[in-house]
Protein backbone atom coordinates (compact mmCIF):
# COMPACT_ATOMS: atom_id res chain seq x y z
CA UNK A 1 -70.76 15.04 209.58
CA UNK A 2 -71.98 14.74 213.17
CA UNK A 3 -69.95 15.08 216.33
CA UNK A 4 -70.64 11.85 218.22
CA UNK A 5 -70.08 13.54 221.58
CA UNK A 6 -72.94 16.02 221.27
CA UNK A 7 -74.99 14.76 218.32
CA UNK A 8 -74.61 18.07 216.49
CA UNK A 9 -72.55 19.14 213.49
CA UNK A 10 -69.09 20.44 214.38
CA UNK A 11 -68.75 24.23 214.47
CA UNK A 12 -66.02 24.33 211.84
CA UNK A 13 -67.58 22.72 208.77
CA UNK A 14 -66.17 23.23 205.30
CA UNK A 15 -69.52 22.91 203.52
CA UNK A 16 -70.22 25.89 201.27
CA UNK A 17 -73.01 24.48 199.14
CA UNK A 18 -75.78 26.19 201.15
CA UNK A 19 -75.62 29.58 202.84
CA UNK A 20 -78.27 28.70 205.42
CA UNK A 21 -75.47 27.62 207.76
CA UNK A 22 -73.94 31.11 207.53
CA UNK A 23 -75.30 33.58 210.08
CA UNK A 24 -76.19 37.13 209.22
CA UNK A 25 -73.16 39.42 209.37
CA UNK A 26 -72.61 42.50 211.53
CA UNK A 27 -73.14 44.77 208.58
CA UNK A 28 -75.72 47.16 207.20
CA UNK A 29 -77.00 47.44 203.65
CA UNK A 30 -78.47 50.78 202.59
CA UNK A 31 -80.69 50.84 199.49
CA UNK A 32 -81.72 54.30 198.24
CA UNK A 33 -81.83 55.81 194.77
CA UNK A 34 -80.77 59.25 196.02
CA UNK A 35 -76.95 59.48 195.92
CA UNK A 36 -76.85 62.23 198.58
CA UNK A 37 -78.86 60.11 201.03
CA UNK A 38 -76.71 57.02 200.34
CA UNK A 39 -73.46 58.92 200.79
CA UNK A 40 -74.56 60.80 203.91
CA UNK A 41 -76.08 57.83 205.72
CA UNK A 42 -73.18 55.55 204.73
CA UNK A 43 -70.71 58.17 206.04
CA UNK A 44 -72.55 58.38 209.38
CA UNK A 45 -72.68 54.59 209.76
CA UNK A 46 -69.06 54.08 208.74
CA UNK A 47 -67.99 56.81 211.20
CA UNK A 48 -69.52 54.55 213.87
CA UNK A 49 -67.30 51.71 212.67
CA UNK A 50 -70.04 49.83 210.84
CA UNK A 51 -69.51 47.85 207.65
CA UNK A 52 -71.90 49.31 205.06
CA UNK A 53 -72.95 48.07 201.65
CA UNK A 54 -74.98 50.30 199.36
CA UNK A 55 -77.22 49.95 196.34
CA UNK A 56 -79.10 52.45 194.19
CA UNK A 57 -82.24 50.42 193.41
CA UNK A 58 -84.19 47.42 194.61
CA UNK A 59 -82.73 44.87 192.22
CA UNK A 60 -79.16 45.83 193.02
CA UNK A 61 -80.15 46.01 196.69
CA UNK A 62 -81.41 42.44 196.68
CA UNK A 63 -78.14 41.26 195.15
CA UNK A 64 -76.09 43.15 197.76
CA UNK A 65 -78.27 41.84 200.61
CA UNK A 66 -77.88 38.27 199.34
CA UNK A 67 -74.12 38.70 199.05
CA UNK A 68 -73.48 40.48 202.37
CA UNK A 69 -76.24 38.90 204.51
CA UNK A 70 -76.51 41.95 206.80
CA UNK A 71 -78.20 42.05 210.17
CA UNK A 72 -79.78 45.40 209.22
CA UNK A 73 -81.22 46.63 205.93
CA UNK A 74 -82.19 50.29 205.41
CA UNK A 75 -84.63 50.75 202.50
CA UNK A 76 -86.15 53.65 200.67
CA UNK A 77 -89.63 53.00 199.30
CA UNK A 78 -89.67 54.92 196.03
CA UNK A 79 -86.99 53.45 193.78
CA UNK A 80 -86.85 52.49 190.12
CA UNK A 81 -87.42 48.87 189.18
CA UNK A 82 -88.12 47.06 192.44
CA UNK A 83 -89.52 49.37 195.13
CA UNK A 84 -88.72 49.08 198.83
CA UNK A 85 -91.92 47.18 199.65
CA UNK A 86 -91.15 44.51 197.06
CA UNK A 87 -87.53 44.31 198.22
CA UNK A 88 -88.70 43.89 201.81
CA UNK A 89 -91.06 41.07 200.76
CA UNK A 90 -88.18 39.41 198.86
CA UNK A 91 -85.99 39.55 201.97
CA UNK A 92 -88.76 38.10 204.13
CA UNK A 93 -89.45 35.27 201.68
CA UNK A 94 -85.79 34.18 201.63
CA UNK A 95 -85.11 31.69 204.44
CA UNK A 96 -81.48 32.82 204.63
CA UNK A 97 -82.32 36.53 204.96
CA UNK A 98 -85.68 36.77 206.74
CA UNK A 99 -84.12 37.41 210.15
CA UNK A 100 -82.54 40.67 208.98
CA UNK A 101 -83.90 43.78 210.68
CA UNK A 102 -85.54 45.96 208.00
CA UNK A 103 -85.89 49.71 208.46
CA UNK A 104 -87.89 51.68 205.92
CA UNK A 105 -86.51 55.22 205.48
CA UNK A 106 -88.83 57.18 203.23
CA UNK A 107 -90.25 60.57 202.36
CA UNK A 108 -93.68 58.95 202.29
CA UNK A 109 -95.28 59.60 205.66
CA UNK A 110 -98.89 58.58 205.11
CA UNK A 111 -100.53 55.94 207.32
CA UNK A 112 -101.30 53.83 204.21
CA UNK A 113 -97.58 53.73 203.38
CA UNK A 114 -96.74 52.65 206.91
CA UNK A 115 -99.35 49.87 206.70
CA UNK A 116 -97.89 48.69 203.37
CA UNK A 117 -94.48 48.53 205.04
CA UNK A 118 -95.94 46.44 207.88
CA UNK A 119 -97.60 44.10 205.42
CA UNK A 120 -94.32 43.76 203.53
CA UNK A 121 -92.52 42.77 206.75
CA UNK A 122 -90.71 45.96 207.81
CA UNK A 123 -89.62 46.28 211.43
CA UNK A 124 -89.39 50.06 211.65
CA UNK A 125 -90.78 52.89 209.51
CA UNK A 126 -89.00 56.26 209.65
CA UNK A 127 -90.10 59.29 207.68
CA UNK A 128 -87.45 61.51 206.09
CA UNK A 129 -85.93 63.60 207.42
CA UNK A 130 -85.12 61.13 210.18
CA UNK A 131 -83.00 61.42 213.31
CA UNK A 132 -79.59 59.81 212.75
CA UNK A 133 -79.35 58.94 216.44
CA UNK A 134 -82.57 56.91 216.26
CA UNK A 135 -81.20 54.88 213.34
CA UNK A 136 -77.85 54.37 215.10
CA UNK A 137 -79.58 53.37 218.34
CA UNK A 138 -81.69 50.75 216.56
CA UNK A 139 -78.65 49.34 214.75
CA UNK A 140 -76.67 49.17 218.01
CA UNK A 141 -79.57 47.35 219.66
CA UNK A 142 -79.81 44.84 216.81
CA UNK A 143 -76.06 44.13 216.86
CA UNK A 144 -76.09 43.79 220.67
CA UNK A 145 -78.99 41.33 220.50
CA UNK A 146 -81.36 43.65 222.40
CA UNK A 147 -83.66 43.97 219.36
CA UNK A 148 -84.62 41.33 216.83
CA UNK A 149 -86.67 41.45 213.71
CA UNK A 150 -90.36 40.86 214.31
CA UNK A 151 -90.00 38.32 211.48
CA UNK A 152 -87.25 36.44 213.35
CA UNK A 153 -87.33 32.68 212.97
CA UNK A 154 -88.96 32.43 216.38
CA UNK A 155 -91.85 34.40 214.82
CA UNK A 156 -92.06 36.89 217.63
CA UNK A 157 -95.10 39.10 217.27
CA UNK A 158 -93.81 42.63 217.76
CA UNK A 159 -95.53 45.77 216.57
CA UNK A 160 -94.23 47.94 213.77
CA UNK A 161 -92.91 51.23 215.06
CA UNK A 162 -93.22 54.54 213.27
CA UNK A 163 -91.06 57.46 214.18
CA UNK A 164 -91.94 60.69 212.39
């Protein structure tokens, strides 16, 4: 259906057969196999009024990301089944999800790990323990439109950042 006045589809379409028309939501998905990390980070984010989905491994994480379509995804690297690198690549290869901002939160602090994260499509690499305020600041910037994923549809070339 096309609006004859502007030549574009109307804003209020009822089509639900493809999620590509649905924008990413103002939510965060946290994927980490450590229950204490999940609970603590989720508590901090929810205390800021953020909607948070959680998953304990990469496969569950991919399902939650596909369901919630968050603007921000926080990933651990070392998880059973699908690791964080593979999950990040899966997000980047999905046309409906690739614009999500992906933060890697990991105990692995080696340069080789950071490079793997970059190659997988991560936007930010933070070594554990990380500063909660840095994570919150990045999320606020993403939600306010001040920061976009380097893999955004416009294909902006932005460097990967590492905060130790």
